[in-house]
Protein backbone atom coordinates (compact mmCIF):
# COMPACT_ATOMS: atom_id res chain seq x y z
CA MET A 1 55.17 121.61 30.68
CA TRP A 2 58.29 123.75 30.96
CA ARG A 3 58.66 123.75 34.90
CA ARG A 4 62.23 122.51 36.15
CA LYS A 5 63.33 120.12 39.10
CA SER A 6 65.68 122.24 41.48
CA LEU A 7 68.83 120.89 42.12
CA ALA A 8 68.15 121.14 45.84
CA ILE A 9 64.97 118.37 45.33
CA LEU A 10 67.43 116.55 42.81
CA MET A 11 70.06 116.22 45.91
CA SER A 12 67.27 115.27 48.36
CA GLU A 13 65.62 112.69 46.67
CA ALA A 14 68.98 110.91 45.46
CA SER A 15 69.93 111.22 49.73
CA GLU A 16 66.68 109.57 50.26
CA ASP A 17 66.18 107.14 47.75
CA GLU A 18 69.95 106.06 47.57
CA LYS A 19 70.47 105.65 51.19
CA GLY A 20 73.66 108.00 50.53
CA LEU A 21 75.56 105.97 48.19
CA LYS A 22 79.36 106.15 49.02
CA ARG A 23 81.76 107.43 46.26
CA THR A 24 84.03 104.65 45.75
CA LEU A 25 84.29 104.23 42.39
CA SER A 26 87.72 104.99 40.32
CA SER A 27 88.16 106.35 37.31
CA ARG A 28 89.50 102.72 35.92
CA ALA A 29 86.13 101.07 37.50
CA LEU A 30 83.88 103.70 35.69
CA VAL A 31 85.87 102.64 32.76
CA ALA A 32 85.08 98.98 33.34
CA MET A 33 81.51 99.68 33.79
CA GLY A 34 81.51 101.23 30.25
CA ILE A 35 83.43 98.79 28.54
CA GLY A 36 81.09 95.90 30.49
CA ALA A 37 77.79 97.81 29.10
CA ILE A 38 79.26 98.52 25.27
CA ILE A 39 80.65 95.40 24.41
CA GLY A 40 77.55 93.73 23.66
CA ALA A 41 74.96 92.83 20.46
CA GLY A 42 76.22 95.62 18.46
CA LEU A 43 79.80 94.13 17.97
CA PHE A 44 79.29 90.22 18.06
CA SER A 45 75.41 90.84 16.06
CA LEU A 46 74.80 93.78 14.42
CA THR A 47 78.65 94.28 12.80
CA GLY A 48 77.67 91.58 10.08
CA ILE A 49 74.31 93.07 9.30
CA ALA A 50 75.89 96.24 8.79
CA ALA A 51 78.30 95.17 6.66
CA ALA A 52 76.40 92.74 4.68
CA ASP A 53 73.23 95.45 4.21
CA HIS A 54 75.20 98.71 3.70
CA ALA A 55 78.88 99.20 4.04
CA GLY A 56 80.78 95.94 3.08
CA PRO A 57 84.03 95.84 4.74
CA ALA A 58 84.13 99.56 5.28
CA VAL A 59 81.59 98.85 8.23
CA THR A 60 84.91 99.63 10.03
CA LEU A 61 84.82 103.09 8.84
CA SER A 62 80.85 103.10 10.11
CA PHE A 63 82.42 102.78 13.73
CA VAL A 64 84.80 104.98 13.52
CA LEU A 65 81.87 107.81 12.26
CA ALA A 66 79.42 106.02 15.28
CA ALA A 67 82.58 106.90 17.60
CA VAL A 68 82.91 110.75 16.56
CA GLY A 69 79.08 111.27 17.25
CA CYS A 70 79.27 109.37 20.60
CA ALA A 71 82.25 111.19 21.63
CA PHE A 72 80.43 114.50 21.32
CA ALA A 73 77.50 113.45 22.97
CA GLY A 74 79.87 111.75 25.67
CA LEU A 75 81.40 115.38 26.32
CA CYS A 76 77.81 116.71 27.06
CA TYR A 77 77.19 113.84 29.35
CA ALA A 78 80.21 114.10 31.26
CA GLU A 79 79.02 117.62 31.94
CA PHE A 80 75.59 116.81 33.04
CA ALA A 81 76.99 113.80 35.14
CA SER A 82 79.76 116.24 37.08
CA MET A 83 76.99 118.84 37.67
CA ILE A 84 74.26 116.86 38.69
CA PRO A 85 76.18 114.24 40.55
CA VAL A 86 72.89 112.08 41.29
CA ALA A 87 72.07 108.22 40.41
CA GLY A 88 70.00 108.77 36.95
CA SER A 89 70.19 109.45 33.68
CA ALA A 90 69.07 111.77 30.79
CA TYR A 91 65.70 112.05 32.23
CA THR A 92 67.05 113.35 35.46
CA TYR A 93 69.19 115.89 34.03
CA SER A 94 66.70 117.14 31.11
CA TYR A 95 64.29 117.46 34.22
CA ALA A 96 66.48 120.27 35.80
CA THR A 97 67.83 121.71 32.67
CA MET A 98 65.43 121.85 30.00
CA GLY A 99 61.82 121.30 31.92
CA GLU A 100 59.40 118.48 32.57
CA PHE A 101 58.19 118.21 28.84
CA ILE A 102 61.69 117.35 27.52
CA ALA A 103 62.40 115.45 30.02
CA TRP A 104 59.26 113.17 29.44
CA ILE A 105 60.39 112.97 25.89
CA ILE A 106 63.71 111.69 26.51
CA GLY A 107 62.03 109.40 29.10
CA TRP A 108 59.57 108.34 26.91
CA ASP A 109 62.44 107.59 24.32
CA LEU A 110 64.92 106.01 26.68
CA VAL A 111 62.20 103.18 27.60
CA LEU A 112 62.36 102.61 23.85
CA GLU A 113 66.09 102.32 23.49
CA TYR A 114 66.27 99.84 26.89
CA ALA A 115 63.34 97.78 26.10
CA LEU A 116 63.93 97.37 22.52
CA GLY A 117 67.57 96.93 23.21
CA ALA A 118 67.02 94.12 25.53
CA ALA A 119 65.10 92.51 22.82
CA THR A 120 67.97 93.08 20.20
CA VAL A 121 70.21 91.20 22.38
CA GLY A 122 67.30 88.66 23.17
CA VAL A 123 67.23 87.78 19.84
CA SER A 124 71.06 87.27 19.09
CA TRP A 125 71.39 85.76 22.98
CA GLY A 126 68.84 82.94 20.94
CA ALA A 127 71.05 82.98 17.42
CA TYR A 128 74.37 82.06 19.68
CA LEU A 129 72.06 79.45 21.84
CA ASN A 130 71.34 77.69 18.46
CA LYS A 131 74.95 77.80 17.41
CA LEU A 132 76.29 76.12 20.92
CA PHE A 133 73.36 73.29 20.62
CA ALA A 134 74.52 72.80 16.93
CA HIS A 135 77.51 72.12 18.48
CA PHE A 136 76.47 69.13 20.53
CA GLY A 137 74.14 68.30 17.47
CA ILE A 138 71.17 69.52 18.58
CA MET A 139 69.17 71.20 15.98
CA LEU A 140 66.35 73.31 17.63
CA PRO A 141 62.95 73.89 15.35
CA PRO A 142 63.68 76.86 12.85
CA GLU A 143 60.02 77.45 13.04
CA PHE A 144 60.39 78.04 17.17
CA THR A 145 64.02 80.36 16.84
CA ASN A 146 62.90 82.68 14.23
CA ALA A 147 60.76 85.68 13.82
CA PRO A 148 57.86 84.86 11.47
CA ALA A 149 59.46 87.59 8.80
CA GLU A 150 62.26 85.19 8.95
CA GLY A 151 59.96 82.08 8.36
CA GLY A 152 59.32 81.24 11.73
CA ILE A 153 56.37 81.35 13.93
CA ILE A 154 58.12 82.66 17.35
CA ASN A 155 61.21 82.91 18.81
CA LEU A 156 61.05 81.16 21.79
CA PRO A 157 64.81 80.97 22.97
CA ALA A 158 64.83 85.13 23.19
CA ILE A 159 61.60 85.27 25.12
CA PHE A 160 62.95 82.50 27.52
CA ILE A 161 66.05 84.78 28.39
CA VAL A 162 63.95 87.89 28.78
CA CYS A 163 61.41 86.40 31.07
CA ILE A 164 64.06 85.00 33.35
CA LEU A 165 65.91 87.53 33.83
CA SER A 166 62.85 89.56 34.68
CA LEU A 167 61.82 87.23 37.15
CA LEU A 168 65.49 87.53 38.72
CA LEU A 169 65.16 91.27 38.82
CA ILE A 170 61.88 91.05 40.67
CA ARG A 171 63.75 89.02 43.29
CA GLY A 172 66.51 91.63 43.29
CA THR A 173 69.07 90.14 41.75
CA LYS A 174 71.82 92.40 40.74
CA GLU A 175 75.57 92.51 39.71
CA SER A 176 78.62 92.94 41.83
CA ALA A 177 81.19 95.18 40.96
CA PHE A 178 83.23 92.02 41.10
CA VAL A 179 80.84 90.07 38.80
CA ASN A 180 80.76 93.01 36.36
CA ASN A 181 84.53 93.22 36.33
CA ILE A 182 84.86 89.44 35.50
CA LEU A 183 82.74 89.71 32.89
CA VAL A 184 84.46 92.55 31.50
CA VAL A 185 87.23 90.46 31.58
CA VAL A 186 85.88 87.63 29.94
CA LYS A 187 84.06 89.84 26.86
CA VAL A 188 87.47 91.60 26.46
CA ILE A 189 89.64 88.26 26.25
CA VAL A 190 87.12 86.88 23.93
CA VAL A 191 87.28 90.17 21.40
CA VAL A 192 91.24 90.29 21.65
CA VAL A 193 91.48 86.17 20.83
CA PHE A 194 89.35 86.55 18.03
CA ILE A 195 90.96 89.35 16.76
CA ILE A 196 94.75 87.54 17.33
CA LEU A 197 93.64 84.12 16.02
CA GLY A 198 91.42 85.38 13.08
CA TRP A 199 94.18 88.03 11.73
CA GLN A 200 96.12 85.20 10.81
CA HIS A 201 93.38 83.64 8.57
CA ILE A 202 92.27 86.82 6.86
CA ASN A 203 92.18 86.58 3.33
CA PRO A 204 92.68 90.16 1.90
CA ASP A 205 90.39 89.43 -1.46
CA PHE A 206 87.44 89.91 1.06
CA HIS A 207 88.63 93.29 1.46
CA VAL A 208 88.60 94.29 -1.90
CA PRO A 209 86.94 96.60 -2.84
CA TYR A 210 87.01 98.33 0.62
CA ILE A 211 84.78 100.80 -0.05
CA PRO A 212 81.80 98.80 -2.35
CA GLU A 213 80.65 101.01 -5.19
CA PHE A 214 77.34 102.97 -4.16
CA VAL A 215 73.83 101.34 -4.62
CA PRO A 216 71.14 103.65 -4.15
CA ALA A 217 68.02 101.90 -2.07
CA HIS A 218 65.85 99.76 -4.16
CA ILE A 219 63.41 96.82 -4.29
CA ASP A 220 65.01 93.41 -4.64
CA PRO A 221 63.44 91.99 -8.01
CA VAL A 222 63.70 88.58 -6.53
CA THR A 223 62.40 88.80 -3.01
CA GLY A 224 60.66 91.85 -3.49
CA GLU A 225 62.14 93.21 -0.33
CA LYS A 226 63.36 96.94 0.39
CA VAL A 227 66.79 97.13 0.50
CA GLY A 228 68.77 100.12 2.03
CA GLU A 229 71.78 102.10 0.58
CA PHE A 230 74.64 100.30 0.23
CA GLY A 231 78.27 101.33 -0.34
CA GLY A 232 80.20 104.57 -0.59
CA MET A 233 79.84 107.28 2.03
CA SER A 234 76.08 106.88 1.97
CA GLY A 235 76.05 103.27 2.94
CA ILE A 236 78.79 103.38 5.25
CA ALA A 237 76.48 106.34 7.34
CA ALA A 238 73.71 104.13 7.23
CA GLY A 239 76.11 101.20 8.78
CA ALA A 240 76.89 103.77 11.57
CA GLY A 241 73.57 104.54 12.17
CA LEU A 242 72.89 100.61 12.55
CA VAL A 243 76.09 99.83 14.62
CA PHE A 244 75.71 103.00 16.95
CA PHE A 245 73.27 100.63 18.66
CA ALA A 246 77.07 99.10 19.95
CA PHE A 247 77.75 102.27 21.57
CA ILE A 248 74.59 103.12 23.83
CA GLY A 249 75.85 101.45 26.82
CA PHE A 250 78.27 104.23 27.45
CA ASP A 251 75.50 106.29 28.89
CA ALA A 252 75.44 103.73 31.97
CA VAL A 253 78.58 105.28 33.29
CA SER A 254 76.33 108.58 33.63
CA THR A 255 74.20 106.64 36.04
CA ALA A 256 77.05 106.20 38.41
CA ALA A 257 77.92 109.85 38.94
CA GLN A 258 76.95 109.94 42.68
CA GLU A 259 79.34 107.14 43.46
CA ALA A 260 82.36 108.23 41.83
CA LYS A 261 85.22 109.17 44.07
CA ASP A 262 85.97 112.53 41.81
CA PRO A 263 82.98 113.43 39.26
CA GLN A 264 84.97 116.17 37.86
CA LYS A 265 87.78 113.68 36.57
CA GLY A 266 86.55 110.08 36.89
CA MET A 267 83.14 110.46 34.78
CA PRO A 268 85.05 112.11 31.44
CA VAL A 269 87.73 109.24 31.59
CA GLY A 270 85.03 106.85 32.69
CA ILE A 271 82.62 108.11 29.48
CA LEU A 272 85.32 108.67 27.08
CA GLY A 273 87.68 106.02 28.07
CA SER A 274 85.27 103.01 27.54
CA LEU A 275 84.16 104.85 24.38
CA LEU A 276 88.01 104.89 23.12
CA VAL A 277 88.79 101.41 24.55
CA CYS A 278 85.42 100.16 22.61
CA THR A 279 86.29 101.69 19.51
CA VAL A 280 89.17 100.32 18.90
CA LEU A 281 88.22 97.09 19.61
CA TYR A 282 85.31 97.22 17.08
CA VAL A 283 87.41 98.76 14.41
CA LEU A 284 90.15 95.43 15.00
CA PHE A 285 86.99 93.35 15.32
CA SER A 286 84.98 94.13 11.98
CA TYR A 287 88.19 94.20 10.17
CA VAL A 288 88.90 90.47 11.02
CA MET A 289 85.36 89.39 10.90
CA THR A 290 85.18 90.88 7.22
CA GLY A 291 88.34 89.34 6.46
CA LEU A 292 87.85 85.72 7.42
CA VAL A 293 84.81 85.12 5.14
CA PRO A 294 82.71 87.39 2.29
CA TYR A 295 80.67 90.26 4.15
CA THR A 296 78.00 88.69 2.05
CA ALA A 297 77.80 85.98 4.02
CA PHE A 298 76.36 87.83 7.09
CA LYS A 299 73.11 88.57 5.33
CA GLY A 300 70.65 88.49 8.08
CA ASP A 301 73.08 86.34 10.34
CA ALA A 302 72.45 87.05 13.77
CA SER A 303 75.77 85.36 14.93
CA PRO A 304 77.99 86.56 12.98
CA ALA A 305 81.11 86.30 14.79
CA ALA A 306 80.89 82.44 15.14
CA THR A 307 80.26 82.00 11.51
CA ALA A 308 83.29 84.05 10.57
CA PHE A 309 85.18 82.04 13.67
CA ALA A 310 84.18 78.91 11.93
CA VAL A 311 86.68 79.17 9.28
CA THR A 312 89.57 79.12 11.43
CA GLY A 313 89.67 75.67 12.46
CA TYR A 314 89.97 76.31 16.15
CA SER A 315 86.56 74.57 16.81
CA PHE A 316 87.35 74.20 20.53
CA LEU A 317 87.40 77.66 20.99
CA GLN A 318 84.45 78.00 19.04
CA MET A 319 82.39 76.63 21.77
CA GLY A 320 84.50 79.03 24.29
CA LEU A 321 83.79 81.84 22.38
CA ILE A 322 80.15 81.25 22.06
CA VAL A 323 79.66 80.48 25.85
CA ALA A 324 81.76 83.42 26.76
CA ILE A 325 79.18 86.14 24.40
CA LEU A 326 76.31 84.15 25.72
CA ALA A 327 77.20 85.13 29.24
CA GLY A 328 78.34 88.58 28.14
CA TYR A 329 74.61 88.95 26.53
CA THR A 330 73.06 87.90 30.08
CA SER A 331 74.83 90.68 31.36
CA VAL A 332 73.71 93.42 29.20
CA ILE A 333 70.42 92.22 28.60
CA LEU A 334 69.93 92.26 32.70
CA VAL A 335 71.46 95.71 32.62
CA MET A 336 68.97 96.88 29.70
CA LEU A 337 66.03 95.72 31.67
CA MET A 338 66.90 96.94 35.41
CA GLY A 339 67.64 100.48 33.24
CA GLN A 340 64.43 100.63 31.63
CA SER A 341 62.50 99.39 34.81
CA ARG A 342 64.45 102.41 36.85
CA VAL A 343 63.52 104.99 34.31
CA PHE A 344 59.37 104.01 34.48
CA TYR A 345 60.05 104.20 38.25
CA SER A 346 61.23 107.20 38.30
CA MET A 347 58.77 109.01 35.60
CA SER A 348 55.85 107.07 38.04
CA LYS A 349 57.51 108.49 41.25
CA ASP A 350 57.27 112.31 39.72
CA GLY A 351 53.87 111.74 39.06
CA LEU A 352 53.89 111.48 35.09
CA LEU A 353 52.91 107.80 34.82
CA PRO A 354 50.45 105.66 37.08
CA ARG A 355 51.40 104.89 40.34
CA PHE A 356 51.43 101.26 39.43
CA PHE A 357 54.70 101.51 38.11
CA GLY A 358 55.93 102.79 41.24
CA ASP A 359 54.89 99.80 43.56
CA ILE A 360 57.51 98.68 44.98
CA HIS A 361 57.50 94.82 46.33
CA SER A 362 57.09 94.20 49.97
CA LYS A 363 59.35 91.65 50.09
CA PHE A 364 61.94 91.71 47.35
CA ARG A 365 61.88 95.73 47.09
CA THR A 366 61.93 96.35 43.77
CA PRO A 367 59.87 97.65 41.33
CA TRP A 368 58.01 94.29 40.55
CA LYS A 369 55.24 95.36 38.72
CA THR A 370 57.22 97.39 36.01
CA ASN A 371 59.02 94.70 35.49
CA ILE A 372 56.50 92.20 34.86
CA PHE A 373 54.99 94.74 32.52
CA PHE A 374 58.20 95.04 30.57
CA MET A 375 58.44 91.07 30.65
CA PHE A 376 55.53 90.83 28.37
CA PHE A 377 56.42 93.76 26.33
CA VAL A 378 59.97 93.23 25.55
CA SER A 379 58.98 89.48 25.01
CA ILE A 380 56.40 90.44 22.21
CA PHE A 381 59.37 92.14 20.30
CA ALA A 382 62.09 89.34 21.00
CA GLY A 383 59.50 86.85 19.74
CA PHE A 384 58.05 88.42 17.09
CA VAL A 385 60.19 91.08 15.38
CA PRO A 386 63.73 90.11 13.33
CA ILE A 387 66.83 91.53 14.58
CA LYS A 388 67.48 93.80 11.93
CA ASP A 389 64.56 95.92 12.41
CA LEU A 390 64.63 96.06 16.31
CA GLY A 391 68.31 97.24 15.81
CA HIS A 392 67.26 100.23 13.92
CA MET A 393 64.45 101.09 16.24
CA VAL A 394 66.92 101.46 18.89
CA SER A 395 69.70 103.02 17.25
CA ILE A 396 67.23 105.90 16.04
CA GLY A 397 65.93 106.47 19.56
CA THR A 398 69.45 106.33 20.80
CA LEU A 399 70.62 108.95 18.38
CA PHE A 400 67.50 111.13 19.28
CA ALA A 401 68.26 111.04 22.76
CA PHE A 402 71.99 111.69 22.38
CA ALA A 403 70.98 114.78 20.25
CA LEU A 404 68.51 115.85 23.12
CA VAL A 405 71.43 115.89 25.46
CA CYS A 406 73.43 118.06 23.30
CA LEU A 407 70.88 120.58 22.83
CA GLY A 408 70.40 120.77 26.88
CA ILE A 409 74.24 121.89 27.03
CA LEU A 410 73.21 124.52 24.78
CA ILE A 411 70.28 125.56 26.84
CA MET A 412 71.76 124.95 30.15
CA ARG A 413 74.70 127.21 29.35
CA LYS A 414 72.26 129.60 28.27
CA LYS A 415 69.89 129.65 31.29
CA MET A 416 71.68 128.19 33.72
CA PRO A 417 75.22 129.71 33.11
CA ASP A 418 75.94 130.32 36.85
CA ALA A 419 75.36 126.88 37.85
CA PRO A 420 78.25 125.26 39.65
CA ARG A 421 79.99 122.66 37.29
CA SER A 422 83.10 120.58 38.01
CA PHE A 423 83.50 119.47 34.48
CA ARG A 424 82.53 121.53 31.06
CA VAL A 425 82.18 120.66 27.51
CA PRO A 426 85.06 122.32 25.92
CA LEU A 427 84.60 124.45 22.58
CA VAL A 428 80.80 125.26 22.95
CA PRO A 429 79.04 125.72 21.27
CA PHE A 430 81.29 123.81 18.75
CA VAL A 431 81.03 120.52 20.43
CA PRO A 432 77.13 120.24 21.19
CA ILE A 433 76.45 121.53 18.09
CA ALA A 434 78.70 118.90 16.24
CA GLY A 435 77.15 116.28 18.21
CA ILE A 436 73.52 117.00 17.04
CA VAL A 437 74.59 117.24 13.56
CA VAL A 438 76.43 113.79 13.86
CA CYS A 439 73.38 112.74 15.28
CA LEU A 440 70.57 113.99 12.98
CA TYR A 441 72.87 112.74 9.99
CA LEU A 442 72.70 109.00 11.03
CA MET A 443 69.17 109.20 12.10
CA TYR A 444 69.04 110.72 8.45
CA SER A 445 70.84 107.43 7.05
CA LEU A 446 68.53 105.28 8.47
CA PRO A 447 65.40 103.38 6.85
CA SER A 448 62.22 105.41 6.51
CA GLU A 449 60.56 102.92 8.45
CA SER A 450 62.67 103.39 11.49
CA TRP A 451 61.86 107.19 11.48
CA LEU A 452 57.82 106.36 11.38
CA ARG A 453 58.10 104.03 14.02
CA LEU A 454 60.14 106.68 16.15
CA LEU A 455 57.48 109.22 15.40
CA GLY A 456 54.55 106.78 15.73
CA TRP A 457 56.18 105.89 19.63
CA MET A 458 56.53 109.93 20.20
CA GLY A 459 53.23 110.60 19.35
CA LEU A 460 52.07 107.90 21.69
CA GLY A 461 54.07 109.66 24.23
CA VAL A 462 52.97 113.03 23.80
CA LEU A 463 49.22 111.79 23.96
CA ILE A 464 49.93 110.16 27.43
CA TYR A 465 51.57 113.28 28.95
CA PHE A 466 49.03 115.62 27.73
CA ALA A 467 46.38 113.13 28.95
CA TYR A 468 47.51 111.90 32.32
CA GLY A 469 50.87 113.28 33.30
CA LYS A 470 50.99 116.98 33.02
CA SER A 471 47.79 117.20 35.36
CA ARG A 472 49.26 114.53 37.65
CA SER A 473 52.95 115.70 38.07
CA LYS A 474 54.06 116.28 41.32
CA LEU A 475 55.52 119.51 40.41
CA ASN A 476 51.90 120.53 39.43
CA LYS A 477 50.60 119.96 42.84
CA THR A 478 53.17 121.32 44.64
CA GLU A 479 52.69 124.91 42.57
């Protein structure tokens, strides 16, 4: 279970599978890729929920705290990506450095992150679609646009977008660098326009007190529902744990290491540069949003940006804002579904999952069976689980993966001190240890239900590994 994949095997597999990808991505292109993957539901949806449920106006500080944790993890990702400059993810890196079992744990966790991340964005996509229809006087039945826990029966718009994009992936549809750059420009323009126009309508009273007084977790006497910690440092940390979901896209940059012109320079710039740009935009965006309407108005609102922007009076721009958000969400869902299927496909090729998941369509050359499997899997969560619960599950899974990546740097420096590294994490062991501490602290701040779901998911993964993957691993057969 601790056997490792050699760097020689990884390089040969990359050359065979990727047909020798050309190193054409500049640092600027990598930053654009990171921004395109980061700006999504975390900003346009979970910001309002984090403000209403945990941090109030201090949700801006929640973004700063989450960004600090991401910066430590990002440095560790950069060393992995420059050391193993092949297409892949944390699953690939850990297989080469920490062994098969840890690779399985991270791979299984990435499935949770990507699949439920796609479901989360799908739910928010449906909420903004409802806003768009309402603008034209079309009211969709609430029982078919909300999860059962929210008074509905099923969220059909969320299921619709997941199914459509899954079918497109089966046909081999993918974004070109040109289209991705266009979407990045559109997203950034939307955020900047929101900040500039909304700033003029900020009501300072909505930011008082900026950090609300601490209220411990309790049972709401009216609804009977459990309410998490609110206000104070604990509320800010709980908000950071939730909005951490907003940053998960930066690890997408590391998957392009094989296509970077200069991994030593490009990967750190791409990962940390996109993180810095998005953090600044997130802080300004959340500051404006909580200044336009009271943060309590965002309670359970999956489309808070549209709710806040409505008070500015720019009705003609609000529709443009919603359309741009829908377009951006579509690309994020597509990337998440594609990333998830690629992880499962890689695990299947390594023998850790049934060959079924590695089957390639004879015409479209895509892992179509994996796409179909996750089309149903993601649709179930998108259609029946509230966005707040989905956001918590994705965030805790992401934090867990980042903590393991930071741990991997410590292990790799000890076990493989002489391995070539074109980029080295500075201040080791401080940076990786700090990354682990921040990630664990944010995980601790999340609701206990999120921990139970994570433990249940990882427990299922461990059972599958020992019952199936360990004995059928390709490395096991070659020993």
